[in-house]
N, C-alpha and C. Protein backbone atom coordinates (compact mmCIF):
# COMPACT_ATOMS: atom_id res chain seq x y z
N MET A 1 -20.64 27.61 5.73
CA MET A 1 -20.05 27.52 6.61
C MET A 1 -21.08 26.73 7.67
N LYS A 2 -20.32 25.98 8.63
CA LYS A 2 -21.43 25.28 9.94
C LYS A 2 -21.03 26.06 11.02
N ILE A 3 -22.25 26.90 11.76
CA ILE A 3 -22.17 26.84 12.91
C ILE A 3 -22.78 25.58 13.71
N GLN A 4 -22.16 25.49 14.97
CA GLN A 4 -22.40 24.20 16.03
C GLN A 4 -22.54 24.69 17.18
N ILE A 5 -23.85 24.59 17.87
CA ILE A 5 -24.09 24.96 19.29
C ILE A 5 -23.71 23.72 19.84
N LEU A 6 -23.22 23.35 20.87
CA LEU A 6 -22.79 22.02 21.59
C LEU A 6 -23.37 22.42 23.24
N GLY A 7 -24.53 21.87 22.87
CA GLY A 7 -24.91 21.30 24.43
C GLY A 7 -25.81 20.92 24.46
N THR A 8 -26.50 20.16 26.03
CA THR A 8 -27.71 19.39 25.93
C THR A 8 -28.94 20.17 26.17
N GLY A 9 -29.34 21.16 25.60
CA GLY A 9 -30.51 21.87 25.72
C GLY A 9 -30.92 22.81 26.69
N CYS A 10 -29.93 22.98 27.84
CA CYS A 10 -30.16 24.12 28.65
C CYS A 10 -30.58 25.59 28.09
N PRO A 11 -31.30 26.26 28.70
CA PRO A 11 -31.34 27.77 28.52
C PRO A 11 -30.14 28.61 28.21
N LYS A 12 -29.62 28.39 28.36
CA LYS A 12 -28.20 28.86 28.01
C LYS A 12 -28.05 28.79 26.32
N CYS A 13 -27.67 27.07 26.41
CA CYS A 13 -28.02 26.70 24.77
C CYS A 13 -28.47 27.45 23.59
N HIS A 14 -30.08 27.44 24.30
CA HIS A 14 -31.14 28.16 23.66
C HIS A 14 -30.65 29.66 23.24
N THR A 15 -30.11 30.72 24.33
CA THR A 15 -29.88 31.60 23.92
C THR A 15 -28.77 31.96 23.41
N LEU A 16 -27.27 30.83 22.99
CA LEU A 16 -26.56 30.97 22.35
C LEU A 16 -27.06 30.97 20.86
N LYS A 17 -27.87 29.80 20.66
CA LYS A 17 -28.53 29.47 19.21
C LYS A 17 -29.15 30.79 18.88
N GLU A 18 -29.94 31.52 19.58
CA GLU A 18 -30.39 32.93 19.26
C GLU A 18 -29.74 34.09 19.20
N HIS A 19 -28.45 34.03 19.73
CA HIS A 19 -27.49 35.03 19.06
C HIS A 19 -26.52 34.71 17.79
N ALA A 20 -26.38 33.40 17.77
CA ALA A 20 -25.63 32.85 16.38
C ALA A 20 -26.74 33.32 15.57
N GLU A 21 -27.96 32.98 15.64
CA GLU A 21 -29.01 33.40 14.31
C GLU A 21 -29.12 35.28 13.97
N GLU A 22 -29.10 35.50 15.40
CA GLU A 22 -28.65 37.32 14.85
C GLU A 22 -27.69 37.56 14.46
N ALA A 23 -26.78 36.81 14.75
CA ALA A 23 -25.63 37.11 14.00
C ALA A 23 -25.21 37.27 12.63
N LEU A 24 -25.82 35.99 12.42
CA LEU A 24 -25.94 35.79 10.87
C LEU A 24 -26.64 36.60 10.19
N ARG A 25 -27.94 37.29 10.89
CA ARG A 25 -28.91 38.04 10.29
C ARG A 25 -28.15 39.89 10.08
N GLU A 26 -27.16 39.96 11.12
CA GLU A 26 -26.38 41.28 11.02
C GLU A 26 -25.56 41.01 10.24
N SER A 27 -24.41 39.98 9.82
CA SER A 27 -23.11 39.56 9.03
C SER A 27 -23.78 39.79 8.03
N GLY A 28 -25.09 39.47 7.56
CA GLY A 28 -25.23 38.68 6.03
C GLY A 28 -24.70 37.80 5.63
N VAL A 29 -24.05 37.22 6.37
CA VAL A 29 -23.11 35.52 6.16
C VAL A 29 -24.23 34.57 5.91
N GLU A 30 -24.32 33.33 4.93
CA GLU A 30 -24.85 32.40 5.47
C GLU A 30 -24.30 30.96 5.60
N ALA A 31 -25.13 30.15 6.77
CA ALA A 31 -24.48 29.67 7.45
C ALA A 31 -25.72 28.46 7.98
N GLU A 32 -25.41 27.21 8.60
CA GLU A 32 -26.63 26.46 8.45
C GLU A 32 -25.76 26.26 10.16
N ILE A 33 -26.75 26.25 10.85
CA ILE A 33 -26.46 26.14 12.40
C ILE A 33 -27.66 24.71 13.01
N VAL A 34 -26.45 24.09 13.50
CA VAL A 34 -26.94 22.56 14.19
C VAL A 34 -26.41 22.77 15.52
N ALA A 35 -27.68 22.31 16.18
CA ALA A 35 -27.58 21.88 17.47
C ALA A 35 -26.82 19.99 17.95
N ILE A 36 -25.86 20.52 18.51
CA ILE A 36 -25.71 19.50 19.04
C ILE A 36 -25.36 18.73 20.61
N LYS A 37 -26.25 18.00 20.69
CA LYS A 37 -26.92 17.85 22.09
C LYS A 37 -26.37 16.43 22.75
N GLU A 38 -25.65 15.53 22.28
CA GLU A 38 -25.51 14.56 22.98
C GLU A 38 -24.15 14.61 23.38
N ILE A 39 -23.98 13.93 24.71
CA ILE A 39 -23.07 14.16 25.16
C ILE A 39 -21.63 13.64 24.49
N ASN A 40 -21.67 12.07 23.85
CA ASN A 40 -20.68 11.60 23.59
C ASN A 40 -19.98 12.41 22.24
N GLU A 41 -20.94 13.03 21.64
CA GLU A 41 -20.53 14.07 20.06
C GLU A 41 -19.91 15.02 20.81
N ILE A 42 -20.85 15.91 21.59
CA ILE A 42 -19.91 17.57 22.43
C ILE A 42 -18.62 16.81 22.72
N MET A 43 -18.27 15.57 23.88
CA MET A 43 -16.77 15.22 23.89
C MET A 43 -15.88 15.23 22.85
N LYS A 44 -16.30 14.56 21.67
CA LYS A 44 -15.34 14.63 20.77
C LYS A 44 -14.87 15.92 20.13
N PHE A 45 -15.37 16.96 20.77
CA PHE A 45 -14.84 18.30 20.33
C PHE A 45 -13.97 18.35 21.37
N GLY A 46 -14.26 17.91 22.32
CA GLY A 46 -12.82 18.42 23.67
C GLY A 46 -13.77 19.26 24.37
N VAL A 47 -14.74 19.29 24.55
CA VAL A 47 -15.39 20.82 25.20
C VAL A 47 -15.90 19.91 26.64
N MET A 48 -15.62 20.55 27.66
CA MET A 48 -15.48 19.98 28.93
C MET A 48 -16.98 20.94 29.85
N MET A 49 -17.45 21.82 28.76
CA MET A 49 -18.04 23.23 29.56
C MET A 49 -18.39 23.74 28.41
N THR A 50 -20.61 23.34 28.81
CA THR A 50 -21.21 24.03 28.02
C THR A 50 -22.31 25.42 28.32
N PRO A 51 -22.36 25.77 27.31
CA PRO A 51 -22.71 25.79 26.11
C PRO A 51 -20.98 25.77 25.52
N ALA A 52 -20.98 25.70 24.07
CA ALA A 52 -20.21 26.06 23.59
C ALA A 52 -19.80 26.40 22.02
N LEU A 53 -19.59 27.05 21.34
CA LEU A 53 -19.96 27.15 19.90
C LEU A 53 -18.41 26.84 18.79
N ALA A 54 -18.43 26.36 17.65
CA ALA A 54 -18.09 25.85 17.43
C ALA A 54 -17.76 26.29 15.48
N ILE A 55 -17.34 26.47 14.90
CA ILE A 55 -17.36 27.01 13.60
C ILE A 55 -16.64 25.96 12.39
N ASP A 56 -17.35 25.19 11.43
CA ASP A 56 -16.66 24.04 10.82
C ASP A 56 -15.89 23.54 11.53
N ASP A 57 -16.45 22.57 12.92
CA ASP A 57 -15.58 22.09 13.45
C ASP A 57 -14.51 21.92 14.42
N VAL A 58 -14.79 23.10 14.56
CA VAL A 58 -13.27 24.10 15.39
C VAL A 58 -13.99 25.16 16.34
N VAL A 59 -13.66 24.60 17.54
CA VAL A 59 -14.49 25.15 18.98
C VAL A 59 -13.76 26.52 18.79
N LYS A 60 -14.92 27.64 19.09
CA LYS A 60 -14.32 28.80 19.22
C LYS A 60 -14.60 29.73 20.83
N VAL A 61 -15.74 28.99 21.78
CA VAL A 61 -15.83 29.80 22.49
C VAL A 61 -16.72 28.42 24.01
N THR A 62 -16.29 28.59 25.14
CA THR A 62 -16.65 27.09 25.50
C THR A 62 -17.13 27.92 27.21
N GLY A 63 -18.20 27.40 27.27
CA GLY A 63 -18.03 27.46 29.26
C GLY A 63 -19.26 28.89 29.35
N ARG A 64 -19.69 29.76 28.29
CA ARG A 64 -20.09 30.74 28.05
C ARG A 64 -20.99 31.78 26.80
N VAL A 65 -21.98 32.28 26.89
CA VAL A 65 -23.10 32.38 25.74
C VAL A 65 -22.24 33.68 25.37
N PRO A 66 -21.26 34.27 23.72
CA PRO A 66 -21.08 35.49 23.53
C PRO A 66 -21.76 35.99 23.10
N SER A 67 -21.91 37.51 23.32
CA SER A 67 -22.86 38.44 22.54
C SER A 67 -22.66 37.84 20.93
N VAL A 68 -23.63 38.70 20.52
CA VAL A 68 -23.96 38.79 19.32
C VAL A 68 -22.99 39.27 18.49
N LYS A 69 -22.57 40.36 18.89
CA LYS A 69 -21.07 40.92 18.51
C LYS A 69 -19.83 40.46 18.52
N GLU A 70 -20.30 39.55 19.34
CA GLU A 70 -18.75 38.60 19.30
C GLU A 70 -18.36 37.81 18.33
N ILE A 71 -20.05 37.09 18.04
CA ILE A 71 -20.17 35.96 17.52
C ILE A 71 -20.51 36.66 15.61
N CYS A 72 -20.51 37.88 15.62
CA CYS A 72 -20.28 38.50 14.35
C CYS A 72 -18.83 38.67 13.98
N ALA A 73 -17.90 39.01 14.91
CA ALA A 73 -16.50 39.17 14.66
C ALA A 73 -16.37 37.59 14.59
N ILE A 74 -16.71 36.89 15.04
CA ILE A 74 -15.87 35.63 14.51
C ILE A 74 -16.15 34.73 13.87
N ILE A 75 -17.58 34.94 13.19
CA ILE A 75 -17.97 34.00 11.69
C ILE A 75 -16.94 34.84 10.77
N LYS A 76 -17.00 36.61 10.69
CA LYS A 76 -16.28 37.19 9.47
C LYS A 76 -14.92 36.88 9.33
N ARG A 77 -13.78 36.31 10.12
CA ARG A 77 -12.69 35.86 10.11
C ARG A 77 -12.59 35.20 9.07
């Protein structure tokens, strides 16, 4: 599994990465976390508001920082 954090590196992007890391620890799921910071790459996902969270190239959340609990639910699906 690949978790992608889409954003230019703002504080919310960093918080999203921290939440994703915590969700992986809590759920016991193994995954690679990748930060995608280049605008052209972010736009390829169709994302217009950051931060955004994608799992295996599928955008799950945009424009906000989901909670650790919400990310756990997403990665367990």
